[in-house]
């Protein structure tokens, strides 16, 4: 069970130096064989694994979110 309050969603998140990044997974994990992107979060397997990594910087996560807008 998640400890994140229901009112916190990706849509109302303000990105700043003290914000928490929510893992982008929506529980629909299936990689499209032609594009290589997950049908749920639209990320590659490499990106999914990197999001889970404790050493992944907030800057990388922000850049990844911006890249998704152009896919």
C-alpha atoms as a PDB file:
ATOM      1  CA  UNK A   1       0.000   0.000   0.000  1.00  0.00           C
ATOM      2  CA  UNK A   2       1.355   3.395  -0.992  1.00  0.00           C
ATOM      3  CA  UNK A   3       2.053   6.033   1.637  1.00  0.00           C
ATOM      4  CA  UNK A   4       1.719   8.817  -0.933  1.00  0.00           C
ATOM      5  CA  UNK A   5      -1.427  10.909  -0.375  1.00  0.00           C
ATOM      6  CA  UNK A   6      -4.118  10.490  -3.029  1.00  0.00           C
ATOM      7  CA  UNK A   7      -4.112  14.213  -3.836  1.00  0.00           C
ATOM      8  CA  UNK A   8      -0.529  13.986  -5.069  1.00  0.00           C
ATOM      9  CA  UNK A   9      -0.503  13.067  -8.732  1.00  0.00           C
ATOM     10  CA  UNK A  10       1.890  13.656 -11.598  1.00  0.00           C
ATOM     11  CA  UNK A  11      -0.524  16.258 -12.976  1.00  0.00           C
ATOM     12  CA  UNK A  12      -0.375  18.534  -9.946  1.00  0.00           C
ATOM     13  CA  UNK A  13       3.307  18.053  -9.132  1.00  0.00           C
ATOM     14  CA  UNK A  14       5.430  21.185  -9.192  1.00  0.00           C
ATOM     15  CA  UNK A  15       8.974  20.266 -10.111  1.00  0.00           C
ATOM     16  CA  UNK A  16      11.540  21.995  -7.916  1.00  0.00           C
ATOM     17  CA  UNK A  17      14.625  21.260  -5.892  1.00  0.00           C
ATOM     18  CA  UNK A  18      12.747  19.724  -2.948  1.00  0.00           C
ATOM     19  CA  UNK A  19      10.060  17.752  -4.760  1.00  0.00           C
ATOM     20  CA  UNK A  20       9.747  13.989  -4.759  1.00  0.00           C
ATOM     21  CA  UNK A  21       9.622  12.254  -8.124  1.00  0.00           C
ATOM     22  CA  UNK A  22       6.951   9.595  -8.427  1.00  0.00           C
ATOM     23  CA  UNK A  23       7.909   6.433 -10.271  1.00  0.00           C
ATOM     24  CA  UNK A  24       6.125   6.719 -13.626  1.00  0.00           C
ATOM     25  CA  UNK A  25       4.933   3.096 -13.737  1.00  0.00           C
ATOM     26  CA  UNK A  26       1.160   2.697 -14.027  1.00  0.00           C
ATOM     27  CA  UNK A  27       1.173  -1.093 -13.670  1.00  0.00           C
ATOM     28  CA  UNK A  28       0.756  -1.900 -17.363  1.00  0.00           C
ATOM     29  CA  UNK A  29       4.171  -3.389 -18.052  1.00  0.00           C
ATOM     30  CA  UNK A  30       4.338  -4.696 -21.593  1.00  0.00           C
ATOM     31  CA  UNK A  31       7.069  -3.806 -24.074  1.00  0.00           C
ATOM     32  CA  UNK A  32       5.954  -3.198 -27.650  1.00  0.00           C
ATOM     33  CA  UNK A  33       8.243  -5.327 -29.826  1.00  0.00           C
ATOM     34  CA  UNK A  34       8.287  -2.866 -32.730  1.00  0.00           C
ATOM     35  CA  UNK A  35       8.948   0.362 -30.794  1.00  0.00           C
ATOM     36  CA  UNK A  36      10.726  -0.983 -27.709  1.00  0.00           C
ATOM     37  CA  UNK A  37       8.554   1.208 -25.463  1.00  0.00           C
ATOM     38  CA  UNK A  38       6.393   0.083 -22.555  1.00  0.00           C
ATOM     39  CA  UNK A  39       2.697   0.313 -23.400  1.00  0.00           C
ATOM     40  CA  UNK A  40       1.998   1.655 -19.889  1.00  0.00           C
ATOM     41  CA  UNK A  41       4.600   4.366 -19.290  1.00  0.00           C
ATOM     42  CA  UNK A  42       6.069   4.762 -22.816  1.00  0.00           C
ATOM     43  CA  UNK A  43       9.623   4.182 -21.558  1.00  0.00           C
ATOM     44  CA  UNK A  44      12.308   1.754 -22.710  1.00  0.00           C
ATOM     45  CA  UNK A  45      13.444  -1.035 -20.379  1.00  0.00           C
ATOM     46  CA  UNK A  46      16.694   0.866 -19.847  1.00  0.00           C
ATOM     47  CA  UNK A  47      14.734   3.947 -18.737  1.00  0.00           C
ATOM     48  CA  UNK A  48      12.485   1.890 -16.442  1.00  0.00           C
ATOM     49  CA  UNK A  49      15.511   0.344 -14.714  1.00  0.00           C
ATOM     50  CA  UNK A  50      17.220   3.719 -14.427  1.00  0.00           C
ATOM     51  CA  UNK A  51      14.139   5.260 -12.756  1.00  0.00           C
ATOM     52  CA  UNK A  52      14.362   2.557 -10.091  1.00  0.00           C
ATOM     53  CA  UNK A  53      18.051   3.220  -9.407  1.00  0.00           C
ATOM     54  CA  UNK A  54      18.872   5.043  -6.170  1.00  0.00           C
ATOM     55  CA  UNK A  55      21.716   6.968  -7.813  1.00  0.00           C
ATOM     56  CA  UNK A  56      19.585   8.401 -10.632  1.00  0.00           C
ATOM     57  CA  UNK A  57      19.633  12.194 -10.437  1.00  0.00           C
ATOM     58  CA  UNK A  58      16.586  14.438 -10.376  1.00  0.00           C
ATOM     59  CA  UNK A  59      18.031  16.189 -13.437  1.00  0.00           C
ATOM     60  CA  UNK A  60      17.963  12.915 -15.397  1.00  0.00           C
ATOM     61  CA  UNK A  61      14.376  12.238 -14.320  1.00  0.00           C
ATOM     62  CA  UNK A  62      13.282  15.721 -15.400  1.00  0.00           C
ATOM     63  CA  UNK A  63      15.055  15.302 -18.760  1.00  0.00           C
ATOM     64  CA  UNK A  64      13.401  11.893 -19.228  1.00  0.00           C
ATOM     65  CA  UNK A  65       9.966  13.419 -18.559  1.00  0.00           C
ATOM     66  CA  UNK A  66      10.654  16.092 -21.194  1.00  0.00           C
ATOM     67  CA  UNK A  67      11.798  13.452 -23.717  1.00  0.00           C
ATOM     68  CA  UNK A  68       8.520  11.587 -23.273  1.00  0.00           C
ATOM     69  CA  UNK A  69       6.574  14.639 -24.418  1.00  0.00           C
ATOM     70  CA  UNK A  70       8.321  14.372 -27.798  1.00  0.00           C
ATOM     71  CA  UNK A  71       7.655  10.660 -28.361  1.00  0.00           C
END
